[in-house]
């Protein structure tokens, strides 16, 4: 009985550790993306990306009239 309780406690601790590592990795990735986006070239590239996406959507929504 004691070993089952100890095993559950270890599993819970392992899950907490894994959760913390995932959060840490997500925070590092978010920091890198923010640093890239605000370091000059990134902001312009993101703007161009959104412009291209919206232009594509608008072209599909309003196809040119064929005469």
PDB file of N, CA and C in Angstrom:
ATOM      1  N   UNK A   1       0.827  -1.189   0.000  1.00  0.00           N
ATOM      2  CA  UNK A   1       0.000   0.000   0.000  1.00  0.00           C
ATOM      3  C   UNK A   1       0.868   1.248   0.000  1.00  0.00           C
ATOM      4  N   UNK A   2       1.907   1.219   0.777  1.00  0.00           N
ATOM      5  CA  UNK A   2       2.780   2.376   0.856  1.00  0.00           C
ATOM      6  C   UNK A   2       3.449   2.657  -0.486  1.00  0.00           C
ATOM      7  N   UNK A   3       3.847   1.615  -1.215  1.00  0.00           N
ATOM      8  CA  UNK A   3       4.523   1.826  -2.493  1.00  0.00           C
ATOM      9  C   UNK A   3       3.580   2.427  -3.529  1.00  0.00           C
ATOM     10  N   UNK A   4       2.274   2.108  -3.466  1.00  0.00           N
ATOM     11  CA  UNK A   4       1.309   2.673  -4.405  1.00  0.00           C
ATOM     12  C   UNK A   4       1.166   4.172  -4.176  1.00  0.00           C
ATOM     13  N   UNK A   5       1.079   4.579  -2.933  1.00  0.00           N
ATOM     14  CA  UNK A   5       0.965   5.998  -2.608  1.00  0.00           C
ATOM     15  C   UNK A   5       2.220   6.738  -3.042  1.00  0.00           C
ATOM     16  N   UNK A   6       3.365   6.156  -2.801  1.00  0.00           N
ATOM     17  CA  UNK A   6       4.622   6.772  -3.191  1.00  0.00           C
ATOM     18  C   UNK A   6       4.716   6.893  -4.709  1.00  0.00           C
ATOM     19  N   UNK A   7       4.250   5.874  -5.412  1.00  0.00           N
ATOM     20  CA  UNK A   7       4.268   5.898  -6.874  1.00  0.00           C
ATOM     21  C   UNK A   7       3.364   7.000  -7.414  1.00  0.00           C
ATOM     22  N   UNK A   8       2.192   7.158  -6.820  1.00  0.00           N
ATOM     23  CA  UNK A   8       1.275   8.223  -7.250  1.00  0.00           C
ATOM     24  C   UNK A   8       1.890   9.595  -7.015  1.00  0.00           C
ATOM     25  N   UNK A   9       2.536   9.737  -5.873  1.00  0.00           N
ATOM     26  CA  UNK A   9       3.158  11.015  -5.544  1.00  0.00           C
ATOM     27  C   UNK A   9       4.258  11.342  -6.552  1.00  0.00           C
ATOM     28  N   UNK A  10       5.067  10.349  -6.919  1.00  0.00           N
ATOM     29  CA  UNK A  10       6.121  10.572  -7.907  1.00  0.00           C
ATOM     30  C   UNK A  10       5.537  10.925  -9.269  1.00  0.00           C
ATOM     31  N   UNK A  11       4.449  10.258  -9.655  1.00  0.00           N
ATOM     32  CA  UNK A  11       3.812  10.546 -10.941  1.00  0.00           C
ATOM     33  C   UNK A  11       3.279  11.972 -10.965  1.00  0.00           C
ATOM     34  N   UNK A  12       2.684  12.388  -9.865  1.00  0.00           N
ATOM     35  CA  UNK A  12       2.160  13.747  -9.776  1.00  0.00           C
ATOM     36  C   UNK A  12       3.299  14.756  -9.872  1.00  0.00           C
ATOM     37  N   UNK A  13       4.405  14.463  -9.211  1.00  0.00           N
ATOM     38  CA  UNK A  13       5.567  15.346  -9.279  1.00  0.00           C
ATOM     39  C   UNK A  13       6.160  15.404 -10.669  1.00  0.00           C
ATOM     40  N   UNK A  14       6.170  14.265 -11.353  1.00  0.00           N
ATOM     41  CA  UNK A  14       6.689  14.227 -12.715  1.00  0.00           C
ATOM     42  C   UNK A  14       5.798  15.045 -13.647  1.00  0.00           C
ATOM     43  N   UNK A  15       4.489  14.934 -13.492  1.00  0.00           N
ATOM     44  CA  UNK A  15       3.561  15.699 -14.328  1.00  0.00           C
ATOM     45  C   UNK A  15       3.742  17.194 -14.095  1.00  0.00           C
ATOM     46  N   UNK A  16       3.942  17.583 -12.851  1.00  0.00           N
ATOM     47  CA  UNK A  16       4.161  18.993 -12.533  1.00  0.00           C
ATOM     48  C   UNK A  16       5.453  19.489 -13.172  1.00  0.00           C
ATOM     49  N   UNK A  17       6.491  18.680 -13.120  1.00  0.00           N
ATOM     50  CA  UNK A  17       7.768  19.044 -13.725  1.00  0.00           C
ATOM     51  C   UNK A  17       7.635  19.179 -15.235  1.00  0.00           C
ATOM     52  N   UNK A  18       6.943  18.233 -15.861  1.00  0.00           N
ATOM     53  CA  UNK A  18       6.748  18.301 -17.308  1.00  0.00           C
ATOM     54  C   UNK A  18       5.954  19.550 -17.687  1.00  0.00           C
ATOM     55  N   UNK A  19       4.929  19.860 -16.920  1.00  0.00           N
ATOM     56  CA  UNK A  19       4.116  21.054 -17.167  1.00  0.00           C
ATOM     57  C   UNK A  19       4.978  22.310 -17.065  1.00  0.00           C
ATOM     58  N   UNK A  20       5.820  22.366 -16.054  1.00  0.00           N
ATOM     59  CA  UNK A  20       6.694  23.525 -15.875  1.00  0.00           C
ATOM     60  C   UNK A  20       7.674  23.653 -17.034  1.00  0.00           C
ATOM     61  N   UNK A  21       8.202  22.543 -17.518  1.00  0.00           N
ATOM     62  CA  UNK A  21       9.133  22.596 -18.643  1.00  0.00           C
ATOM     63  C   UNK A  21       8.448  23.051 -19.929  1.00  0.00           C
ATOM     64  N   UNK A  22       7.215  22.612 -20.141  1.00  0.00           N
ATOM     65  CA  UNK A  22       6.464  23.055 -21.319  1.00  0.00           C
ATOM     66  C   UNK A  22       6.210  24.557 -21.239  1.00  0.00           C
ATOM     67  N   UNK A  23       5.819  25.046 -20.074  1.00  0.00           N
ATOM     68  CA  UNK A  23       5.604  26.490 -19.902  1.00  0.00           C
ATOM     69  C   UNK A  23       6.896  27.277 -20.116  1.00  0.00           C
ATOM     70  N   UNK A  24       7.999  26.748 -19.629  1.00  0.00           N
ATOM     71  CA  UNK A  24       9.289  27.408 -19.811  1.00  0.00           C
ATOM     72  C   UNK A  24       9.653  27.470 -21.292  1.00  0.00           C
ATOM     73  N   UNK A  25       9.468  26.369 -22.005  1.00  0.00           N
ATOM     74  CA  UNK A  25       9.763  26.350 -23.439  1.00  0.00           C
ATOM     75  C   UNK A  25       8.871  27.334 -24.192  1.00  0.00           C
ATOM     76  N   UNK A  26       7.591  27.387 -23.847  1.00  0.00           N
ATOM     77  CA  UNK A  26       6.669  28.322 -24.503  1.00  0.00           C
ATOM     78  C   UNK A  26       7.084  29.767 -24.232  1.00  0.00           C
ATOM     79  N   UNK A  27       7.511  30.053 -23.025  1.00  0.00           N
ATOM     80  CA  UNK A  27       7.943  31.410 -22.683  1.00  0.00           C
ATOM     81  C   UNK A  27       9.207  31.791 -23.451  1.00  0.00           C
ATOM     82  N   UNK A  28      10.123  30.855 -23.598  1.00  0.00           N
ATOM     83  CA  UNK A  28      11.353  31.130 -24.343  1.00  0.00           C
ATOM     84  C   UNK A  28      11.035  31.394 -25.810  1.00  0.00           C
ATOM     85  N   UNK A  29      10.180  30.566 -26.390  1.00  0.00           N
ATOM     86  CA  UNK A  29       9.804  30.751 -27.795  1.00  0.00           C
ATOM     87  C   UNK A  29       9.093  32.086 -27.985  1.00  0.00           C
ATOM     88  N   UNK A  30       8.177  32.418 -27.080  1.00  0.00           N
ATOM     89  CA  UNK A  30       7.464  33.696 -27.182  1.00  0.00           C
ATOM     90  C   UNK A  30       8.434  34.867 -27.078  1.00  0.00           C
ATOM     91  N   UNK A  31       9.398  34.780 -26.191  1.00  0.00           N
ATOM     92  CA  UNK A  31      10.393  35.839 -26.040  1.00  0.00           C
ATOM     93  C   UNK A  31      11.223  35.995 -27.304  1.00  0.00           C
ATOM     94  N   UNK A  32      11.623  34.876 -27.904  1.00  0.00           N
ATOM     95  CA  UNK A  32      12.394  34.938 -29.142  1.00  0.00           C
ATOM     96  C   UNK A  32      11.587  35.546 -30.281  1.00  0.00           C
ATOM     97  N   UNK A  33      10.319  35.179 -30.387  1.00  0.00           N
ATOM     98  CA  UNK A  33       9.464  35.730 -31.441  1.00  0.00           C
ATOM     99  C   UNK A  33       9.279  37.233 -31.248  1.00  0.00           C
ATOM    100  N   UNK A  34       9.036  37.653 -30.013  1.00  0.00           N
ATOM    101  CA  UNK A  34       8.867  39.088 -29.736  1.00  0.00           C
ATOM    102  C   UNK A  34      10.160  39.843 -30.034  1.00  0.00           C
ATOM    103  N   UNK A  35      11.291  39.284 -29.635  1.00  0.00           N
ATOM    104  CA  UNK A  35      12.572  39.938 -29.904  1.00  0.00           C
ATOM    105  C   UNK A  35      12.815  40.045 -31.404  1.00  0.00           C
ATOM    106  N   UNK A  36      12.506  38.993 -32.153  1.00  0.00           N
ATOM    107  CA  UNK A  36      12.684  39.023 -33.604  1.00  0.00           C
ATOM    108  C   UNK A  36      11.752  40.047 -34.246  1.00  0.00           C
ATOM    109  N   UNK A  37      10.510  40.083 -33.786  1.00  0.00           N
ATOM    110  CA  UNK A  37       9.515  40.964 -34.399  1.00  0.00           C
ATOM    111  C   UNK A  37       9.799  42.433 -34.126  1.00  0.00           C
ATOM    112  N   UNK A  38      10.414  42.737 -33.001  1.00  0.00           N
ATOM    113  CA  UNK A  38      10.664  44.138 -32.649  1.00  0.00           C
ATOM    114  C   UNK A  38      12.076  44.587 -32.999  1.00  0.00           C
ATOM    115  N   UNK A  39      12.868  43.707 -33.574  1.00  0.00           N
ATOM    116  CA  UNK A  39      14.263  44.041 -33.875  1.00  0.00           C
ATOM    117  C   UNK A  39      14.434  44.641 -35.264  1.00  0.00           C
ATOM    118  N   UNK A  40      13.418  45.301 -35.774  1.00  0.00           N
ATOM    119  CA  UNK A  40      13.554  45.968 -37.062  1.00  0.00           C
ATOM    120  C   UNK A  40      12.913  45.196 -38.189  1.00  0.00           C
ATOM    121  N   UNK A  41      13.646  44.257 -38.763  1.00  0.00           N
ATOM    122  CA  UNK A  41      13.173  43.549 -39.940  1.00  0.00           C
ATOM    123  C   UNK A  41      11.953  42.691 -39.701  1.00  0.00           C
ATOM    124  N   UNK A  42      11.805  42.170 -38.523  1.00  0.00           N
ATOM    125  CA  UNK A  42      10.688  41.283 -38.238  1.00  0.00           C
ATOM    126  C   UNK A  42       9.342  41.964 -38.345  1.00  0.00           C
ATOM    127  N   UNK A  43       9.255  43.189 -37.857  1.00  0.00           N
ATOM    128  CA  UNK A  43       7.975  43.899 -37.892  1.00  0.00           C
ATOM    129  C   UNK A  43       7.524  44.125 -39.325  1.00  0.00           C
ATOM    130  N   UNK A  44       8.444  44.501 -40.200  1.00  0.00           N
ATOM    131  CA  UNK A  44       8.100  44.693 -41.600  1.00  0.00           C
ATOM    132  C   UNK A  44       7.690  43.397 -42.266  1.00  0.00           C
ATOM    133  N   UNK A  45       8.361  42.309 -41.923  1.00  0.00           N
ATOM    134  CA  UNK A  45       8.025  41.014 -42.515  1.00  0.00           C
ATOM    135  C   UNK A  45       6.658  40.541 -42.057  1.00  0.00           C
ATOM    136  N   UNK A  46       6.341  40.766 -40.800  1.00  0.00           N
ATOM    137  CA  UNK A  46       5.021  40.375 -40.294  1.00  0.00           C
ATOM    138  C   UNK A  46       3.940  41.204 -40.978  1.00  0.00           C
ATOM    139  N   UNK A  47       4.190  42.503 -41.138  1.00  0.00           N
ATOM    140  CA  UNK A  47       3.237  43.357 -41.838  1.00  0.00           C
ATOM    141  C   UNK A  47       3.021  42.902 -43.271  1.00  0.00           C
ATOM    142  N   UNK A  48       4.103  42.559 -43.959  1.00  0.00           N
ATOM    143  CA  UNK A  48       3.986  42.066 -45.336  1.00  0.00           C
ATOM    144  C   UNK A  48       3.230  40.751 -45.396  1.00  0.00           C
ATOM    145  N   UNK A  49       3.476  39.892 -44.432  1.00  0.00           N
ATOM    146  CA  UNK A  49       2.772  38.611 -44.387  1.00  0.00           C
ATOM    147  C   UNK A  49       1.270  38.828 -44.256  1.00  0.00           C
ATOM    148  N   UNK A  50       0.869  39.696 -43.321  1.00  0.00           N
ATOM    149  CA  UNK A  50      -0.562  39.967 -43.143  1.00  0.00           C
ATOM    150  C   UNK A  50      -1.160  40.653 -44.368  1.00  0.00           C
ATOM    151  N   UNK A  51      -0.396  41.550 -44.996  1.00  0.00           N
ATOM    152  CA  UNK A  51      -0.888  42.187 -46.221  1.00  0.00           C
ATOM    153  C   UNK A  51      -1.156  41.147 -47.302  1.00  0.00           C
ATOM    154  N   UNK A  52      -0.225  40.218 -47.472  1.00  0.00           N
ATOM    155  CA  UNK A  52      -0.402  39.167 -48.479  1.00  0.00           C
ATOM    156  C   UNK A  52      -1.599  38.279 -48.160  1.00  0.00           C
ATOM    157  N   UNK A  53      -1.769  37.946 -46.896  1.00  0.00           N
ATOM    158  CA  UNK A  53      -2.898  37.098 -46.496  1.00  0.00           C
ATOM    159  C   UNK A  53      -4.218  37.808 -46.776  1.00  0.00           C
ATOM    160  N   UNK A  54      -4.318  39.070 -46.356  1.00  0.00           N
ATOM    161  CA  UNK A  54      -5.570  39.807 -46.560  1.00  0.00           C
ATOM    162  C   UNK A  54      -5.842  40.065 -48.039  1.00  0.00           C
ATOM    163  N   UNK A  55      -4.794  40.348 -48.811  1.00  0.00           N
ATOM    164  CA  UNK A  55      -4.982  40.533 -50.250  1.00  0.00           C
ATOM    165  C   UNK A  55      -5.516  39.257 -50.892  1.00  0.00           C
ATOM    166  N   UNK A  56      -4.971  38.115 -50.496  1.00  0.00           N
ATOM    167  CA  UNK A  56      -5.448  36.841 -51.033  1.00  0.00           C
ATOM    168  C   UNK A  56      -6.895  36.572 -50.671  1.00  0.00           C
ATOM    169  N   UNK A  57      -7.257  36.884 -49.440  1.00  0.00           N
ATOM    170  CA  UNK A  57      -8.647  36.681 -49.001  1.00  0.00           C
ATOM    171  C   UNK A  57      -9.587  37.592 -49.784  1.00  0.00           C
ATOM    172  N   UNK A  58      -9.201  38.853 -49.932  1.00  0.00           N
ATOM    173  CA  UNK A  58     -10.057  39.799 -50.653  1.00  0.00           C
ATOM    174  C   UNK A  58     -10.190  39.433 -52.129  1.00  0.00           C
ATOM    175  N   UNK A  59      -9.127  38.931 -52.726  1.00  0.00           N
ATOM    176  CA  UNK A  59      -9.201  38.517 -54.126  1.00  0.00           C
ATOM    177  C   UNK A  59     -10.144  37.333 -54.297  1.00  0.00           C
ATOM    178  N   UNK A  60     -10.135  36.419 -53.355  1.00  0.00           N
ATOM    179  CA  UNK A  60     -11.039  35.264 -53.437  1.00  0.00           C
ATOM    180  C   UNK A  60     -12.488  35.678 -53.159  1.00  0.00           C
ATOM    181  N   UNK A  61     -12.663  36.650 -52.285  1.00  0.00           N
ATOM    182  CA  UNK A  61     -14.015  37.092 -51.944  1.00  0.00           C
ATOM    183  C   UNK A  61     -14.620  37.951 -53.046  1.00  0.00           C
ATOM    184  N   UNK A  62     -13.795  38.730 -53.727  1.00  0.00           N
ATOM    185  CA  UNK A  62     -14.259  39.625 -54.796  1.00  0.00           C
ATOM    186  C   UNK A  62     -13.471  39.346 -56.072  1.00  0.00           C
ATOM    187  N   UNK A  63     -13.762  38.258 -56.763  1.00  0.00           N
ATOM    188  CA  UNK A  63     -13.003  37.966 -57.987  1.00  0.00           C
ATOM    189  C   UNK A  63     -13.271  39.040 -59.039  1.00  0.00           C
ATOM    190  N   UNK A  64     -12.270  39.342 -59.856  1.00  0.00           N
ATOM    191  CA  UNK A  64     -12.465  40.372 -60.878  1.00  0.00           C
ATOM    192  C   UNK A  64     -13.543  39.953 -61.874  1.00  0.00           C
ATOM    193  N   UNK A  65     -14.329  40.927 -62.293  1.00  0.00           N
ATOM    194  CA  UNK A  65     -15.413  40.650 -63.245  1.00  0.00           C
ATOM    195  C   UNK A  65     -14.824  40.346 -64.613  1.00  0.00           C
ATOM    196  N   UNK A  66     -15.323  39.293 -65.212  1.00  0.00           N
ATOM    197  CA  UNK A  66     -14.850  38.923 -66.546  1.00  0.00           C
ATOM    198  C   UNK A  66     -15.827  39.464 -67.576  1.00  0.00           C
ATOM    199  N   UNK A  67     -15.310  40.241 -68.503  1.00  0.00           N
ATOM    200  CA  UNK A  67     -16.103  40.995 -69.424  1.00  0.00           C
ATOM    201  C   UNK A  67     -16.731  40.295 -70.499  1.00  0.00           C
TER     202      UNK A  67
END
